[in-house]
């Protein structure tokens, strides 16, 4: 069965036993605007005494950045939604609703403007959408087509009257892709292709009201495959997407970014011979094609991607050895993807999301654990 990796990792973090420690990421050297290849840690506050996890980040402006996720205290075990804002000098927790008594998690965030921000995830077994109006976060009603489990893992805001959210819902026949649309008044379910079985959509990106991409995975003839769907202004259609030529036991696209109708990136992971490998695909306006990417460790996964131009993109995730899990950052310089050094404050660190306003201002977020506690991780390249 094809498994969407970000879903598996976040849900695993929610149900795993408590892990810990305080964020001790020391700021590093700043990078030049030309290269932006040196990342420094910028410690955010950790509201939970047990778990704190960032799953997504958006950057409406250089001094206006949002990161979302969840946290858990040790008193009642409730998982609460989390949104933090960077104002140019510090991270600050902004209160968010958590309507379920068990689990409330935010997975992705996107901004149409500084005062118009959407965050998505799940609350209990239902879809979960929050909106920032410039003053406060409030919950917006959202469809949950399944009586079992509904989950949103990606969001893309185009304008005040146009936004997309994607994820999955589970029924008797397994997982199906879920697409929701904001029309300025309501979130409504949109028709989307549901090929094969166990279909999920992990992320969405849009450049205009007529150009949006959603990526994920599905299973066909018992074989896991990549899934890419495109919004052409009228309907969502499945677009052919390449798969590695080697046999794979798992595969999934976890992130997507686009700067124009002829430049988009999708990143993820595939497993072959028991080893996780990075997966990167590029849209050139005509077709999606596989692009080579570094695999610096025994296991390598990409969970998010951001692009600011045709010659600049970033992909983030994790690399694993037999004894540790470290962050992974790869950069597209217009010619090739190359690994760049990234902060890993403990032997158990990962990055889940990345966003940037320019080639010289990029944020990556995730989490790390040490000493029995999970803490937030935010890194900046400027």
Protein backbone atom coordinates (compact mmCIF):
# COMPACT_ATOMS: atom_id res chain seq x y z
CA UNK A 1 0.00 0.00 0.00
CA UNK A 2 1.34 3.45 -0.87
CA UNK A 3 1.95 5.45 2.27
CA UNK A 4 2.04 9.24 2.37
CA UNK A 5 5.10 9.87 4.49
CA UNK A 6 4.25 13.17 6.15
CA UNK A 7 0.90 11.77 7.31
CA UNK A 8 2.62 8.74 8.77
CA UNK A 9 5.27 10.77 10.58
CA UNK A 10 2.90 13.35 12.08
CA UNK A 11 0.33 10.79 13.18
CA UNK A 12 3.15 8.70 14.59
CA UNK A 13 4.34 11.67 16.60
CA UNK A 14 0.86 12.11 18.05
CA UNK A 15 0.52 8.52 19.20
CA UNK A 16 4.11 7.76 20.17
CA UNK A 17 5.31 7.76 23.76
CA UNK A 18 6.49 11.12 25.04
CA UNK A 19 9.93 12.28 23.95
CA UNK A 20 11.79 15.38 25.18
CA UNK A 21 14.37 18.26 25.82
CA UNK A 22 14.91 21.96 25.52
CA UNK A 23 15.78 23.65 22.25
CA UNK A 24 19.39 24.67 22.35
CA UNK A 25 19.91 25.73 18.77
CA UNK A 26 22.57 28.38 18.82
CA UNK A 27 22.43 31.01 16.07
CA UNK A 28 25.09 30.36 13.47
CA UNK A 29 26.83 32.54 10.97
CA UNK A 30 24.62 34.43 8.56
CA UNK A 31 24.91 33.63 4.88
CA UNK A 32 25.50 36.00 2.04
CA UNK A 33 22.48 37.05 0.03
CA UNK A 34 24.06 35.49 -3.04
CA UNK A 35 24.49 31.98 -1.66
CA UNK A 36 22.10 31.67 1.30
CA UNK A 37 23.64 28.33 2.18
CA UNK A 38 24.29 28.81 5.89
CA UNK A 39 21.34 28.20 8.19
CA UNK A 40 21.04 29.35 11.80
CA UNK A 41 18.65 28.18 14.49
CA UNK A 42 16.09 30.69 15.82
CA UNK A 43 14.51 29.11 18.94
CA UNK A 44 10.69 29.46 19.13
CA UNK A 45 8.73 29.14 22.39
CA UNK A 46 7.55 25.63 23.31
CA UNK A 47 4.12 25.74 24.98
CA UNK A 48 3.90 22.00 25.62
CA UNK A 49 5.77 20.24 28.40
CA UNK A 50 5.76 16.94 26.47
CA UNK A 51 5.59 17.46 22.71
CA UNK A 52 5.94 20.43 20.36
CA UNK A 53 5.95 19.89 16.59
CA UNK A 54 5.93 22.25 13.61
CA UNK A 55 4.46 20.78 10.42
CA UNK A 56 4.27 23.74 8.05
CA UNK A 57 5.43 27.31 7.46
CA UNK A 58 4.38 30.27 5.29
CA UNK A 59 6.16 33.57 4.69
CA UNK A 60 3.86 36.39 3.51
CA UNK A 61 6.73 38.84 4.02
CA UNK A 62 10.34 39.03 5.26
CA UNK A 63 9.19 39.99 8.77
CA UNK A 64 5.89 38.14 8.67
CA UNK A 65 6.19 34.35 8.98
CA UNK A 66 3.74 31.75 10.30
CA UNK A 67 4.56 28.23 11.53
CA UNK A 68 1.87 25.74 12.58
CA UNK A 69 1.70 22.34 14.24
CA UNK A 70 0.63 20.95 17.59
CA UNK A 71 1.74 20.60 21.19
CA UNK A 72 0.91 18.33 24.09
CA UNK A 73 1.14 18.94 27.80
CA UNK A 74 1.56 16.28 30.46
CA UNK A 75 -1.55 17.03 32.50
CA UNK A 76 -4.36 15.43 30.44
CA UNK A 77 -2.55 14.28 27.29
CA UNK A 78 -4.70 16.46 25.02
CA UNK A 79 -3.07 17.45 21.73
CA UNK A 80 -3.65 21.14 21.00
CA UNK A 81 -3.27 23.13 17.79
CA UNK A 82 -0.34 25.53 17.56
CA UNK A 83 0.38 28.66 15.51
CA UNK A 84 3.41 30.89 16.03
CA UNK A 85 4.30 34.17 14.33
CA UNK A 86 7.70 35.66 13.50
CA UNK A 87 7.58 39.46 13.55
CA UNK A 88 11.14 40.07 12.42
CA UNK A 89 12.75 39.73 15.84
CA UNK A 90 11.06 36.88 17.77
CA UNK A 91 8.56 34.02 17.57
CA UNK A 92 5.30 34.45 19.48
CA UNK A 93 2.51 31.95 20.15
CA UNK A 94 -0.88 33.15 18.86
CA UNK A 95 -3.92 31.44 20.46
CA UNK A 96 -5.74 28.93 18.24
CA UNK A 97 -8.97 26.94 18.72
CA UNK A 98 -8.72 23.25 19.69
CA UNK A 99 -12.30 21.96 19.59
CA UNK A 100 -11.61 18.24 20.11
CA UNK A 101 -10.92 16.85 23.56
CA UNK A 102 -8.34 14.44 22.13
CA UNK A 103 -6.35 15.54 19.08
CA UNK A 104 -6.12 18.92 17.32
CA UNK A 105 -3.27 19.24 14.82
CA UNK A 106 -2.34 21.77 12.15
CA UNK A 107 -0.34 20.42 9.24
CA UNK A 108 0.08 23.28 6.73
CA UNK A 109 -0.34 27.05 6.41
CA UNK A 110 -0.62 29.50 3.49
CA UNK A 111 -1.21 33.23 3.18
CA UNK A 112 -2.99 35.20 0.46
CA UNK A 113 -1.91 38.36 2.30
CA UNK A 114 -0.45 39.33 5.66
CA UNK A 115 -3.91 39.56 7.23
CA UNK A 116 -5.45 36.63 5.32
CA UNK A 117 -3.90 33.32 6.38
CA UNK A 118 -5.26 29.76 6.32
CA UNK A 119 -4.06 26.75 8.35
CA UNK A 120 -5.34 23.19 7.94
CA UNK A 121 -5.12 19.83 9.67
CA UNK A 122 -7.50 17.61 11.60
CA UNK A 123 -9.48 17.73 14.82
CA UNK A 124 -10.60 14.37 16.14
CA UNK A 125 -11.60 12.54 12.97
CA UNK A 126 -12.68 15.64 11.06
CA UNK A 127 -11.06 18.20 8.78
CA UNK A 128 -9.80 21.28 10.59
CA UNK A 129 -9.42 24.73 9.01
CA UNK A 130 -8.43 27.93 10.83
CA UNK A 131 -8.32 31.50 9.47
CA UNK A 132 -6.20 34.47 10.60
CA UNK A 133 -7.91 37.79 9.84
CA UNK A 134 -5.06 40.00 11.02
CA UNK A 135 -6.21 39.92 14.63
CA UNK A 136 -7.19 36.39 15.70
CA UNK A 137 -7.41 32.77 14.59
CA UNK A 138 -10.96 31.37 14.21
CA UNK A 139 -12.24 28.02 13.01
CA UNK A 140 -14.01 27.88 9.63
CA UNK A 141 -16.61 25.16 8.95
CA UNK A 142 -15.22 22.52 6.55
CA UNK A 143 -16.60 19.36 4.94
CA UNK A 144 -15.68 15.93 6.34
CA UNK A 145 -17.13 13.41 3.87
CA UNK A 146 -16.23 10.31 5.87
CA UNK A 147 -17.83 9.18 9.10
CA UNK A 148 -14.49 7.54 9.89
CA UNK A 149 -11.39 9.75 9.40
CA UNK A 150 -10.81 12.98 7.48
CA UNK A 151 -7.46 14.76 7.33
CA UNK A 152 -6.07 17.85 5.57
CA UNK A 153 -2.32 18.12 4.99
CA UNK A 154 -1.92 20.93 2.43
CA UNK A 155 -3.30 24.40 1.73
CA UNK A 156 -2.70 27.08 -0.90
CA UNK A 157 -4.24 30.55 -0.69
CA UNK A 158 -4.50 32.45 -3.98
CA UNK A 159 -6.70 35.40 -2.96
CA UNK A 160 -9.40 36.38 -0.48
CA UNK A 161 -11.93 34.42 -2.56
CA UNK A 162 -9.80 31.52 -3.77
CA UNK A 163 -7.97 28.89 -1.71
CA UNK A 164 -7.44 25.13 -1.88
CA UNK A 165 -7.00 22.49 0.83
CA UNK A 166 -6.11 18.86 0.16
CA UNK A 167 -5.81 15.65 2.13
CA UNK A 168 -7.63 12.35 2.40
CA UNK A 169 -10.69 10.67 3.83
CA UNK A 170 -11.14 7.03 4.78
CA UNK A 171 -14.08 4.80 3.95
CA UNK A 172 -14.80 1.12 3.59
CA UNK A 173 -12.73 1.03 0.39
CA UNK A 174 -9.69 2.69 1.99
CA UNK A 175 -8.25 6.17 1.56
CA UNK A 176 -9.44 8.59 -1.11
CA UNK A 177 -8.03 11.99 -2.12
CA UNK A 178 -9.86 14.97 -0.63
CA UNK A 179 -9.96 18.43 -2.19
CA UNK A 180 -11.72 21.43 -0.63
CA UNK A 181 -12.16 24.91 -2.13
CA UNK A 182 -12.73 28.32 -0.53
CA UNK A 183 -14.91 30.57 -2.67
CA UNK A 184 -14.84 33.60 -0.39
CA UNK A 185 -17.82 32.46 1.66
CA UNK A 186 -17.60 28.71 2.27
CA UNK A 187 -15.29 25.72 2.08
CA UNK A 188 -16.84 23.15 -0.29
CA UNK A 189 -15.69 19.72 -1.44
CA UNK A 190 -14.46 19.69 -5.03
CA UNK A 191 -14.50 16.77 -7.43
CA UNK A 192 -11.04 15.25 -7.92
CA UNK A 193 -9.69 12.13 -9.63
CA UNK A 194 -9.49 9.05 -7.38
CA UNK A 195 -7.29 6.57 -9.27
CA UNK A 196 -6.57 3.10 -7.97
CA UNK A 197 -6.83 2.61 -4.23
CA UNK A 198 -5.36 4.17 -1.09
CA UNK A 199 -5.16 7.58 -2.77
CA UNK A 200 -3.95 10.55 -0.74
CA UNK A 201 -3.05 14.15 -1.54
CA UNK A 202 -0.28 15.55 0.64
CA UNK A 203 0.29 19.12 -0.56
CA UNK A 204 -1.05 21.79 -2.91
CA UNK A 205 0.40 24.88 -4.58
CA UNK A 206 -1.18 27.51 -6.83
CA UNK A 207 0.12 30.32 -9.03
CA UNK A 208 -3.28 31.67 -10.11
CA UNK A 209 -6.99 30.92 -10.15
CA UNK A 210 -6.37 28.72 -13.22
CA UNK A 211 -3.17 26.95 -12.20
CA UNK A 212 -2.85 24.73 -9.13
CA UNK A 213 -1.05 21.45 -8.39
CA UNK A 214 -1.79 18.75 -5.81
CA UNK A 215 0.54 15.81 -5.15
CA UNK A 216 0.49 12.55 -3.23
CA UNK A 217 0.33 8.82 -3.95
CA UNK A 218 -1.98 5.92 -4.78
CA UNK A 219 -1.86 2.18 -5.39
CA UNK A 220 -2.52 0.55 -8.76
CA UNK A 221 -2.25 -3.20 -9.43
CA UNK A 222 -0.78 -3.59 -5.93
CA UNK A 223 2.04 -1.17 -6.81
CA UNK A 224 2.52 2.22 -5.09
CA UNK A 225 2.75 5.17 -7.48
CA UNK A 226 3.13 8.93 -7.41
CA UNK A 227 -0.03 11.00 -7.87
CA UNK A 228 -0.12 14.49 -9.39
CA UNK A 229 -3.34 16.37 -10.14
CA UNK A 230 -3.77 19.76 -11.84
CA UNK A 231 -6.47 22.45 -11.61
CA UNK A 232 -6.90 24.16 -14.98
CA UNK A 233 -9.51 26.69 -13.91
CA UNK A 234 -12.39 24.34 -14.67
CA UNK A 235 -11.63 20.94 -13.15
CA UNK A 236 -9.00 18.79 -11.49
CA UNK A 237 -7.35 16.26 -13.79
CA UNK A 238 -4.70 13.63 -13.15
CA UNK A 239 -1.42 14.37 -14.93
CA UNK A 240 1.11 11.62 -15.73
CA UNK A 241 3.92 11.58 -13.16
CA UNK A 242 7.12 9.53 -13.34
CA UNK A 243 8.15 6.81 -10.91
CA UNK A 244 11.64 5.38 -10.30
CA UNK A 245 12.61 2.52 -12.58
CA UNK A 246 13.70 0.36 -9.64
CA UNK A 247 11.17 -1.72 -7.67
CA UNK A 248 9.66 0.30 -4.80
CA UNK A 249 7.77 -0.87 -1.73
CA UNK A 250 6.58 2.64 -0.78
CA UNK A 251 6.46 5.97 -2.61
CA UNK A 252 4.89 9.35 -2.02
CA UNK A 253 5.15 12.99 -3.00
CA UNK A 254 5.00 15.09 0.17
CA UNK A 255 5.46 18.66 -1.05
CA UNK A 256 4.85 20.85 -4.10
CA UNK A 257 5.81 24.40 -5.06
CA UNK A 258 5.27 26.46 -8.22
CA UNK A 259 6.42 29.87 -9.42
CA UNK A 260 4.74 29.92 -12.84
CA UNK A 261 2.76 27.77 -15.27
CA UNK A 262 6.05 26.34 -16.54
CA UNK A 263 7.98 25.85 -13.31
CA UNK A 264 6.87 23.57 -10.49
CA UNK A 265 8.62 21.14 -8.14
CA UNK A 266 7.33 18.07 -6.30
CA UNK A 267 9.36 16.26 -3.66
CA UNK A 268 8.98 13.10 -1.64
CA UNK A 269 10.43 9.72 -0.84
CA UNK A 270 10.52 6.19 -2.21
CA UNK A 271 11.68 2.97 -0.59
CA UNK A 272 13.69 0.41 -2.51
CA UNK A 273 15.59 -2.51 -1.05
CA UNK A 274 14.60 -1.35 2.43
CA UNK A 275 16.29 2.05 1.89
CA UNK A 276 14.53 5.43 1.76
CA UNK A 277 15.61 7.67 -1.14
CA UNK A 278 14.86 11.29 -1.98
CA UNK A 279 12.45 11.87 -4.86
CA UNK A 280 12.27 15.13 -6.85
CA UNK A 281 10.19 15.84 -9.95
CA UNK A 282 10.01 18.99 -12.10
CA UNK A 283 7.26 20.45 -14.31
CA UNK A 284 8.60 22.37 -17.31
CA UNK A 285 5.24 23.42 -18.75
CA UNK A 286 4.84 20.23 -20.77
CA UNK A 287 5.64 17.23 -18.59
CA UNK A 288 6.81 16.10 -15.17
CA UNK A 289 10.31 14.61 -15.17
CA UNK A 290 12.52 13.01 -12.53
CA UNK A 291 15.49 15.12 -11.42
CA UNK A 292 18.50 13.72 -9.60
CA UNK A 293 18.87 14.63 -5.92
CA UNK A 294 21.41 13.92 -3.16
CA UNK A 295 21.07 10.95 -0.80
CA UNK A 296 23.76 11.65 1.77
CA UNK A 297 22.80 9.03 4.36
CA UNK A 298 21.51 5.49 4.66
CA UNK A 299 17.92 6.77 4.68
CA UNK A 300 16.74 10.06 3.14
CA UNK A 301 13.30 11.69 2.99
CA UNK A 302 12.02 15.01 1.63
CA UNK A 303 8.89 16.41 3.30
CA UNK A 304 8.55 19.95 1.94
CA UNK A 305 9.65 22.25 -0.88
CA UNK A 306 9.61 25.98 -1.65
CA UNK A 307 10.59 27.89 -4.79
CA UNK A 308 11.12 31.61 -5.33
CA UNK A 309 12.18 31.56 -9.00
CA UNK A 310 13.12 29.21 -11.81
CA UNK A 311 16.69 29.20 -10.53
CA UNK A 312 16.07 28.86 -6.81
CA UNK A 313 14.26 26.20 -4.77
CA UNK A 314 14.66 24.48 -1.41
CA UNK A 315 13.67 20.99 -0.24
CA UNK A 316 13.76 19.85 3.40
CA UNK A 317 13.37 16.62 5.33
CA UNK A 318 15.62 14.20 7.18
CA UNK A 319 18.52 11.80 6.74
CA UNK A 320 18.97 8.76 8.93
CA UNK A 321 21.80 6.48 9.95
CA UNK A 322 21.79 3.44 12.18
CA UNK A 323 22.17 5.69 15.24
CA UNK A 324 20.66 9.10 14.42
CA UNK A 325 18.14 11.15 12.48
CA UNK A 326 19.38 14.51 11.20
CA UNK A 327 17.83 17.36 9.25
CA UNK A 328 18.28 17.49 5.48
CA UNK A 329 18.23 20.61 3.29
CA UNK A 330 18.81 20.52 -0.45
CA UNK A 331 18.97 23.53 -2.77
CA UNK A 332 18.27 23.94 -6.49
CA UNK A 333 20.71 26.50 -7.90
CA UNK A 334 19.31 26.54 -11.42
CA UNK A 335 21.48 23.63 -12.55
CA UNK A 336 21.45 20.89 -9.91
CA UNK A 337 20.16 19.94 -6.46
CA UNK A 338 22.88 20.02 -3.81
CA UNK A 339 22.86 19.35 -0.09
CA UNK A 340 23.68 22.32 2.14
CA UNK A 341 24.57 22.20 5.87
CA UNK A 342 21.56 22.36 8.18
CA UNK A 343 21.15 22.64 11.96
CA UNK A 344 20.40 19.40 13.84
CA UNK A 345 20.28 20.20 17.55
CA UNK A 346 19.98 16.54 18.59
CA UNK A 347 20.47 13.03 17.15
CA UNK A 348 16.70 13.03 16.48
CA UNK A 349 15.91 16.06 14.29
CA UNK A 350 13.81 16.66 11.20
CA UNK A 351 12.44 19.48 9.03
CA UNK A 352 8.86 19.24 7.75
CA UNK A 353 8.21 22.54 5.96
CA UNK A 354 10.00 25.37 4.15
CA UNK A 355 8.98 28.79 2.80
CA UNK A 356 10.80 31.81 1.45
CA UNK A 357 10.26 35.33 0.19
CA UNK A 358 13.45 35.42 -1.90
CA UNK A 359 16.64 33.50 -2.57
CA UNK A 360 18.16 35.20 0.48
CA UNK A 361 15.28 34.85 2.96
CA UNK A 362 14.12 31.29 3.66
CA UNK A 363 12.62 29.58 6.72
CA UNK A 364 12.47 25.85 7.54
CA UNK A 365 10.58 24.34 10.48
CA UNK A 366 10.26 20.97 12.17
CA UNK A 367 11.11 19.39 15.51
CA UNK A 368 13.77 17.56 17.46
CA UNK A 369 13.81 15.37 20.56
CA UNK A 370 16.33 14.94 23.32
CA UNK A 371 16.18 14.05 26.98
CA UNK A 372 12.60 12.82 26.76
CA UNK A 373 10.88 15.87 25.25
CA UNK A 374 10.10 17.04 21.70
CA UNK A 375 10.78 20.69 20.91
CA UNK A 376 10.19 23.02 18.02
CA UNK A 377 12.88 23.63 15.44
CA UNK A 378 13.03 26.75 13.29
CA UNK A 379 15.95 27.59 11.02
CA UNK A 380 16.56 30.74 8.98
CA UNK A 381 18.74 31.38 5.97
CA UNK A 382 19.23 35.06 5.15
